[in-house]
Amino acid sequence: MSIKVLIVDDSAVVRQVLSQVFDKASGIEVMDVANDPYMAMDKMKLHWPDVIVLDVEMPRMDGITFLKQLMATRPTPVVICSSLTQKGTDISMQALAAGAVEVIAKPAAGVKGFLEESANQLVMAVRGAAAARMSRMRVMPSASGAAPGAGSSSAAALETRPKLSADAILSAPTGSNVFTTTERIVAIGTSTGGTQALEAILTELPRTCPGLAIVQHMPEKFTRSFADRLNSLSQIEVKEASNGDRILPGRALIAPGGKHMMVKRSGAYYQVEVVDGPLVSRHKPSVDVLFRSAAKFAGRNALGVIMTGMGDDGAKGLKEMHDCGAKTIAQDEESCVVFGMPKEAIKLGAADEVMSLDMIAKAICRQG
């Protein structure tokens, strides 16, 4: 059956563009469109959508208020489509805290270009949202944020373009040839549902925890707001990674949207390298790139954790970490919003342990 989508946006152009994107995608049907939440609620009395694509800044009622009402009455997967202004990103962070599954970066101008550049991203977001188990969403009391990376130029390209592996960024590890040291690190990869999952974990970690390198599928300009918010809530330091940042105890580095992030060894310590490049496993940043680098340069000194998300990004990379002597964990199905990425890792035999979200923070502390 097709995924039935309701588009709620006060811009007629945006409604038309989004409708065109989904009409071209297999398995997705635009059920209806509405120019504000009041009209949306009227339409939903007749037919309930599988996924709602929602703007945040609208007249009469803003998207955040509508989202909160929706989650309080009948939780439904919502993809926020927000402009790339600072105000827009801050509001989008609030939207994910209120229960939205994904955020898509909508340009403030040039909507026709948006159709060409972001169709793949939109289709992936809606498919991921449709697979989300809303009972597993952890609605936070304040703001948060995330979204998948930018995609191809058309919805059809999702199925036809080559799917590049981490080979496009760095060569595979040759084996477990890294000496054990006292410097331990943690590499985490996640996607749909990951903003809430990361918040649940990072806010539990003490300042003595090992340093973390994190990939959350998220577009450019959103990662800084996301990291800043987590930093304000956590005992540890959380920041958007810059090239050359050291991975230190009590610090979490989040890969910037639109860039890949790798772990590198520099003398007696670890640091991150932030680089551009093609999409890997159809994402940028890619979990496979992070995990491969951790396998290659940290080996048994690392812990790899793959969490909730659609698709298989990170599964092969976690297997490489496992084969190089790292400890590896996959989040269990029961606590995942989307049991996609962990499931694929488990299938490959990449996970030493499968555990609930509530146990992962404790496992990270043991790594230190």
Protein backbone atom coordinates (compact mmCIF):
# COMPACT_ATOMS: atom_id res chain seq x y z
CA MET A 1 0.00 0.00 0.00
CA SER A 2 1.10 3.55 -0.70
CA ILE A 3 2.24 5.89 2.07
CA LYS A 4 -0.49 8.55 2.33
CA VAL A 5 0.99 12.03 2.85
CA LEU A 6 -0.67 15.26 3.96
CA ILE A 7 1.28 18.44 3.09
CA VAL A 8 0.70 21.44 5.39
CA ASP A 9 2.37 24.67 4.20
CA ASP A 10 1.12 28.21 3.69
CA SER A 11 3.07 28.58 0.41
CA ALA A 12 1.17 27.42 -2.68
CA VAL A 13 4.48 27.03 -4.52
CA VAL A 14 5.92 24.78 -1.82
CA ARG A 15 2.76 22.66 -1.75
CA GLN A 16 2.99 22.25 -5.52
CA VAL A 17 6.71 21.42 -5.45
CA LEU A 18 6.32 18.86 -2.68
CA SER A 19 3.36 17.27 -4.45
CA GLN A 20 5.45 16.91 -7.63
CA VAL A 21 8.28 15.26 -5.69
CA PHE A 22 6.02 12.66 -4.09
CA ASP A 23 3.98 12.04 -7.24
CA LYS A 24 7.21 10.88 -8.93
CA ALA A 25 8.15 8.53 -6.10
CA SER A 26 6.91 4.97 -6.04
CA GLY A 27 4.87 3.96 -3.04
CA ILE A 28 3.95 7.49 -1.93
CA GLU A 29 0.58 9.18 -2.49
CA VAL A 30 -0.25 12.81 -1.69
CA MET A 31 -3.53 12.35 0.13
CA ASP A 32 -4.22 16.09 0.38
CA VAL A 33 -2.68 19.53 0.97
CA ALA A 34 -3.58 22.31 3.44
CA ASN A 35 -2.42 25.89 3.81
CA ASP A 36 -2.56 25.89 7.62
CA PRO A 37 -3.16 23.54 10.57
CA TYR A 38 -6.85 24.45 10.88
CA MET A 39 -7.49 23.32 7.31
CA ALA A 40 -5.33 20.24 7.94
CA MET A 41 -7.43 19.26 10.96
CA ASP A 42 -10.61 19.56 8.89
CA LYS A 43 -9.17 17.28 6.22
CA MET A 44 -7.91 14.79 8.80
CA LYS A 45 -11.44 14.34 10.16
CA LEU A 46 -12.24 12.61 6.86
CA HIS A 47 -8.97 10.75 6.13
CA TRP A 48 -5.99 10.26 8.43
CA PRO A 49 -2.53 10.40 6.78
CA ASP A 50 0.36 8.02 7.34
CA VAL A 51 2.84 10.92 7.32
CA ILE A 52 2.42 14.70 7.63
CA VAL A 53 4.91 17.05 5.96
CA LEU A 54 4.65 20.24 8.01
CA ASP A 55 5.95 23.80 7.80
CA VAL A 56 6.64 25.54 11.12
CA GLU A 57 6.06 29.24 10.40
CA MET A 58 2.42 29.66 9.30
CA PRO A 59 -0.42 32.11 10.01
CA ARG A 60 -3.30 31.37 12.41
CA MET A 61 -1.45 28.46 14.04
CA ASP A 62 2.27 27.67 13.95
CA GLY A 63 3.54 24.19 13.21
CA ILE A 64 4.92 23.62 16.73
CA THR A 65 1.54 24.20 18.36
CA PHE A 66 -0.15 21.91 15.84
CA LEU A 67 2.51 19.25 16.35
CA LYS A 68 2.10 19.29 20.13
CA GLN A 69 -1.67 18.96 19.80
CA LEU A 70 -1.23 16.08 17.37
CA MET A 71 1.19 14.20 19.61
CA ALA A 72 -1.11 14.65 22.61
CA THR A 73 -4.14 13.21 20.81
CA ARG A 74 -3.04 10.85 18.04
CA PRO A 75 0.75 10.54 17.55
CA THR A 76 1.49 10.51 13.81
CA PRO A 77 4.84 10.60 11.96
CA VAL A 78 5.67 14.21 11.07
CA VAL A 79 8.42 15.47 8.77
CA ILE A 80 9.19 19.14 9.38
CA CYS A 81 10.04 21.11 6.24
CA SER A 82 11.75 24.25 7.54
CA SER A 83 13.72 27.12 6.04
CA LEU A 84 17.49 27.33 6.49
CA THR A 85 17.40 30.55 8.50
CA GLN A 86 18.75 30.66 12.05
CA LYS A 87 15.21 31.21 13.29
CA GLY A 88 14.03 28.30 11.18
CA THR A 89 16.67 25.92 12.52
CA ASP A 90 15.99 26.90 16.14
CA ILE A 91 12.26 26.30 15.68
CA SER A 92 12.99 23.00 13.96
CA MET A 93 14.99 21.90 16.99
CA GLN A 94 11.89 22.55 19.08
CA ALA A 95 9.84 20.52 16.60
CA LEU A 96 11.96 17.41 17.03
CA ALA A 97 11.77 17.79 20.79
CA ALA A 98 7.98 17.92 20.43
CA GLY A 99 7.91 14.61 18.55
CA ALA A 100 8.68 15.21 14.87
CA VAL A 101 10.54 12.32 13.24
CA GLU A 102 12.63 14.22 10.67
CA VAL A 103 13.54 17.74 9.59
CA ILE A 104 14.14 18.72 5.97
CA ALA A 105 16.10 21.85 5.16
CA LYS A 106 13.88 24.02 2.94
CA PRO A 107 15.64 26.96 1.25
CA ALA A 108 14.35 30.43 2.07
CA ALA A 109 14.32 31.18 -1.69
CA GLY A 110 14.58 29.24 -4.96
CA VAL A 111 11.93 26.60 -4.33
CA LYS A 112 12.20 25.24 -7.88
CA GLY A 113 15.84 24.52 -7.18
CA PHE A 114 14.75 22.82 -4.00
CA LEU A 115 12.79 20.33 -6.13
CA GLU A 116 15.91 19.50 -8.14
CA GLU A 117 18.30 19.29 -5.21
CA SER A 118 16.26 17.70 -2.45
CA ALA A 119 13.82 15.23 -3.99
CA ASN A 120 15.82 12.22 -2.82
CA GLN A 121 16.07 13.67 0.67
CA LEU A 122 12.33 14.26 0.86
CA VAL A 123 11.42 10.77 -0.33
CA MET A 124 13.84 9.13 2.11
CA ALA A 125 12.49 11.24 4.97
CA VAL A 126 8.87 10.29 4.26
CA ARG A 127 9.71 6.59 3.90
CA GLY A 128 11.69 6.70 7.13
CA ALA A 129 8.89 8.50 8.94
CA ALA A 130 6.32 5.98 7.71
CA ALA A 131 8.42 3.19 9.22
CA ALA A 132 8.74 4.96 12.58
CA ARG A 133 7.11 3.45 15.64
CA MET A 134 5.69 6.50 17.37
CA SER A 135 5.36 4.66 20.68
CA ARG A 136 9.18 4.61 20.82
CA MET A 137 9.56 8.37 20.34
CA ARG A 138 10.86 10.10 23.44
CA VAL A 139 9.29 13.56 23.41
CA MET A 140 11.65 15.94 25.18
CA PRO A 141 10.53 18.89 27.32
CA SER A 142 12.51 21.40 25.28
CA ALA A 143 14.22 21.68 21.87
CA SER A 144 16.16 19.22 19.71
CA GLY A 145 16.78 18.55 16.01
CA ALA A 146 17.91 16.36 13.10
CA ALA A 147 17.42 15.28 9.52
CA PRO A 148 19.01 13.12 6.85
CA GLY A 149 21.65 14.40 4.47
CA ALA A 150 21.13 15.96 1.08
CA GLY A 151 20.30 13.69 -1.81
CA SER A 152 20.10 13.45 -5.56
CA SER A 153 18.42 15.59 -8.17
CA SER A 154 15.24 13.56 -8.56
CA ALA A 155 13.14 11.03 -6.69
CA ALA A 156 13.84 8.41 -9.34
CA ALA A 157 17.57 8.82 -8.78
CA LEU A 158 17.18 7.30 -5.31
CA GLU A 159 16.77 3.92 -6.92
CA THR A 160 19.16 4.32 -9.87
CA ARG A 161 22.23 6.24 -8.74
CA PRO A 162 25.29 4.24 -7.64
CA LYS A 163 25.44 3.59 -3.92
CA LEU A 164 29.01 4.35 -2.92
CA SER A 165 30.79 2.62 -0.06
CA ALA A 166 33.31 4.09 2.36
CA ASP A 167 35.98 3.23 -0.26
CA ALA A 168 35.08 6.60 -1.82
CA ILE A 169 36.59 8.37 1.21
CA LEU A 170 39.26 6.09 2.71
CA SER A 171 40.69 2.62 2.17
CA ALA A 172 39.58 -0.37 4.21
CA PRO A 173 41.47 -1.43 7.35
CA THR A 174 43.94 -4.26 6.82
CA GLY A 175 43.34 -6.02 10.13
CA SER A 176 43.68 -5.68 13.88
CA ASN A 177 47.06 -3.95 13.85
CA VAL A 178 46.42 -1.14 16.36
CA PHE A 179 48.20 -1.42 19.71
CA THR A 180 46.04 -1.27 22.82
CA THR A 181 46.42 2.05 24.63
CA THR A 182 44.84 3.78 27.62
CA GLU A 183 43.20 6.32 25.28
CA ARG A 184 39.71 4.99 24.53
CA ILE A 185 37.07 6.48 22.23
CA VAL A 186 33.46 5.84 21.26
CA ALA A 187 31.99 6.12 17.74
CA ILE A 188 28.19 6.42 17.47
CA GLY A 189 26.02 6.37 14.36
CA THR A 190 22.28 7.02 14.11
CA SER A 191 19.52 8.48 11.93
CA THR A 192 15.70 8.52 12.24
CA GLY A 193 14.82 8.84 15.92
CA GLY A 194 18.44 9.52 16.75
CA THR A 195 18.02 13.06 18.04
CA GLN A 196 15.93 11.85 20.96
CA ALA A 197 18.13 8.79 21.45
CA LEU A 198 21.32 10.85 21.55
CA GLU A 199 19.77 13.28 24.00
CA ALA A 200 18.79 10.41 26.26
CA ILE A 201 22.36 9.06 26.22
CA LEU A 202 24.50 12.20 26.31
CA THR A 203 22.59 13.78 29.17
CA GLU A 204 23.39 10.69 31.28
CA LEU A 205 27.15 10.73 30.71
CA PRO A 206 29.57 12.04 33.37
CA ARG A 207 32.55 14.27 32.56
CA THR A 208 34.82 11.26 33.05
CA CYS A 209 33.33 9.35 30.09
CA PRO A 210 35.55 8.57 27.07
CA GLY A 211 35.53 10.96 24.13
CA LEU A 212 32.82 10.45 21.53
CA ALA A 213 32.63 10.97 17.76
CA ILE A 214 29.03 10.99 16.51
CA VAL A 215 27.31 10.90 13.13
CA GLN A 216 23.62 11.83 13.14
CA HIS A 217 22.15 12.12 9.65
CA MET A 218 21.44 15.84 9.50
CA PRO A 219 21.76 18.63 6.93
CA GLU A 220 24.10 21.59 6.97
CA LYS A 221 23.28 24.38 9.46
CA PHE A 222 21.22 22.13 11.72
CA THR A 223 24.10 20.32 13.42
CA ARG A 224 25.45 23.39 15.20
CA SER A 225 22.06 24.19 16.79
CA PHE A 226 21.63 20.54 17.71
CA ALA A 227 25.08 20.33 19.31
CA ASP A 228 24.65 23.63 21.15
CA ARG A 229 21.39 22.47 22.65
CA LEU A 230 22.81 19.13 23.79
CA ASN A 231 25.77 21.00 25.26
CA SER A 232 23.39 23.12 27.36
CA LEU A 233 21.68 20.00 28.73
CA SER A 234 24.70 17.74 29.35
CA GLN A 235 27.49 17.54 31.90
CA ILE A 236 29.90 16.78 29.08
CA GLU A 237 30.95 19.20 26.33
CA VAL A 238 29.02 18.68 23.08
CA LYS A 239 30.06 20.57 19.96
CA GLU A 240 29.79 20.49 16.21
CA ALA A 241 33.12 19.07 15.07
CA SER A 242 35.75 21.19 13.34
CA ASN A 243 38.67 19.74 11.43
CA GLY A 244 41.45 18.81 13.88
CA ASP A 245 39.32 18.79 17.04
CA ARG A 246 40.68 16.39 19.63
CA ILE A 247 38.53 13.55 20.92
CA LEU A 248 38.85 14.08 24.65
CA PRO A 249 37.27 12.49 27.74
CA GLY A 250 34.07 14.31 28.56
CA ARG A 251 33.63 15.65 25.00
CA ALA A 252 31.26 14.62 22.20
CA LEU A 253 31.96 15.78 18.64
CA ILE A 254 29.01 15.75 16.23
CA ALA A 255 29.79 15.54 12.51
CA PRO A 256 28.74 18.73 10.69
CA GLY A 257 25.91 18.34 8.21
CA GLY A 258 27.08 18.03 4.62
CA LYS A 259 30.57 16.77 5.59
CA HIS A 260 32.09 13.41 6.43
CA MET A 261 33.92 12.96 9.74
CA MET A 262 36.76 10.51 10.39
CA VAL A 263 38.74 9.46 13.44
CA LYS A 264 42.49 9.88 13.05
CA ARG A 265 45.41 9.05 15.33
CA SER A 266 47.78 11.94 16.01
CA GLY A 267 50.71 10.94 18.18
CA ALA A 268 49.38 9.93 21.58
CA TYR A 269 45.81 11.13 21.04
CA TYR A 270 42.86 10.98 18.68
CA GLN A 271 41.35 13.79 16.66
CA VAL A 272 38.75 14.14 13.92
CA GLU A 273 39.22 15.00 10.27
CA VAL A 274 36.26 16.73 8.61
CA VAL A 275 36.22 16.36 4.82
CA ASP A 276 33.95 16.87 1.84
CA GLY A 277 33.25 14.15 -0.69
CA PRO A 278 30.46 12.16 -2.32
CA LEU A 279 27.53 10.61 -0.50
CA VAL A 280 28.47 7.28 1.11
CA SER A 281 25.66 4.79 1.69
CA ARG A 282 23.58 7.71 0.31
CA HIS A 283 24.49 9.96 3.25
CA LYS A 284 26.86 12.78 4.14
CA PRO A 285 27.88 12.56 6.90
CA SER A 286 28.02 8.77 6.68
CA VAL A 287 28.20 6.39 9.63
CA ASP A 288 30.16 3.91 7.49
CA VAL A 289 32.92 6.49 6.99
CA LEU A 290 33.15 7.23 10.72
CA PHE A 291 33.13 3.55 11.70
CA ARG A 292 35.71 2.55 9.08
CA SER A 293 38.06 5.27 10.29
CA ALA A 294 37.59 4.11 13.89
CA ALA A 295 38.35 0.54 12.82
CA LYS A 296 41.45 1.62 10.94
CA PHE A 297 42.98 4.08 13.39
CA ALA A 298 41.58 3.06 16.80
CA GLY A 299 40.81 -0.65 16.47
CA ARG A 300 40.50 -2.33 19.85
CA ASN A 301 40.73 1.07 21.57
CA ALA A 302 37.27 1.98 20.30
CA LEU A 303 33.66 1.17 21.06
CA GLY A 304 31.19 1.31 18.15
CA VAL A 305 27.48 1.93 18.73
CA ILE A 306 24.83 1.81 15.99
CA MET A 307 21.38 3.09 16.88
CA THR A 308 17.92 3.77 15.50
CA GLY A 309 17.65 4.69 11.83
CA MET A 310 16.35 3.65 8.43
CA GLY A 311 18.57 1.89 5.90
CA ASP A 312 21.95 0.23 6.35
CA ASP A 313 24.48 3.06 6.75
CA GLY A 314 26.97 1.97 9.40
CA ALA A 315 26.33 -1.78 9.25
CA LYS A 316 29.44 -2.59 7.20
CA GLY A 317 31.52 -0.08 9.13
CA LEU A 318 30.51 -1.62 12.46
CA LYS A 319 31.53 -5.03 11.12
CA GLU A 320 34.94 -3.59 10.23
CA MET A 321 35.27 -2.23 13.78
CA HIS A 322 34.30 -5.65 15.16
CA ASP A 323 36.82 -7.42 12.94
CA CYS A 324 39.57 -5.00 14.06
CA GLY A 325 38.99 -5.82 17.72
CA ALA A 326 36.67 -3.01 18.78
CA LYS A 327 33.74 -3.67 21.07
CA THR A 328 30.46 -3.15 19.23
CA ILE A 329 26.86 -2.53 20.29
CA ALA A 330 23.57 -2.39 18.37
CA GLN A 331 20.45 -0.83 19.85
CA ASP A 332 17.67 -3.37 20.32
CA GLU A 333 14.46 -3.43 18.31
CA GLU A 334 12.26 -2.72 21.30
CA SER A 335 13.79 0.71 21.97
CA CYS A 336 14.38 1.78 18.33
CA VAL A 337 12.10 4.23 16.54
CA VAL A 338 13.22 2.55 13.28
CA PHE A 339 14.99 -0.80 13.58
CA GLY A 340 16.80 -0.51 10.25
CA MET A 341 20.48 0.30 10.75
CA PRO A 342 20.90 -1.87 13.88
CA LYS A 343 19.05 -4.75 12.23
CA GLU A 344 21.39 -4.71 9.23
CA ALA A 345 24.44 -4.62 11.52
CA ILE A 346 23.14 -7.57 13.53
CA LYS A 347 22.55 -9.53 10.31
CA LEU A 348 26.23 -9.06 9.39
CA GLY A 349 27.39 -10.34 12.77
CA ALA A 350 28.79 -6.89 13.53
CA ALA A 351 27.39 -6.48 17.04
CA ASP A 352 28.98 -8.04 20.11
CA GLU A 353 25.96 -6.99 22.14
CA VAL A 354 22.39 -5.93 21.46
CA MET A 355 21.00 -3.69 24.18
CA SER A 356 18.27 -1.21 24.99
CA LEU A 357 18.80 2.52 24.76
CA ASP A 358 18.67 2.77 28.56
CA MET A 359 21.75 0.54 28.87
CA ILE A 360 23.97 2.19 26.25
CA ALA A 361 25.13 5.11 28.44
CA LYS A 362 26.35 2.63 31.07
CA ALA A 363 28.21 0.65 28.40
CA ILE A 364 29.91 3.84 27.18
CA CYS A 365 31.09 4.61 30.70
CA ARG A 366 32.55 1.10 31.02
CA GLN A 367 34.60 1.77 27.87
CA GLY A 368 36.58 4.36 29.79
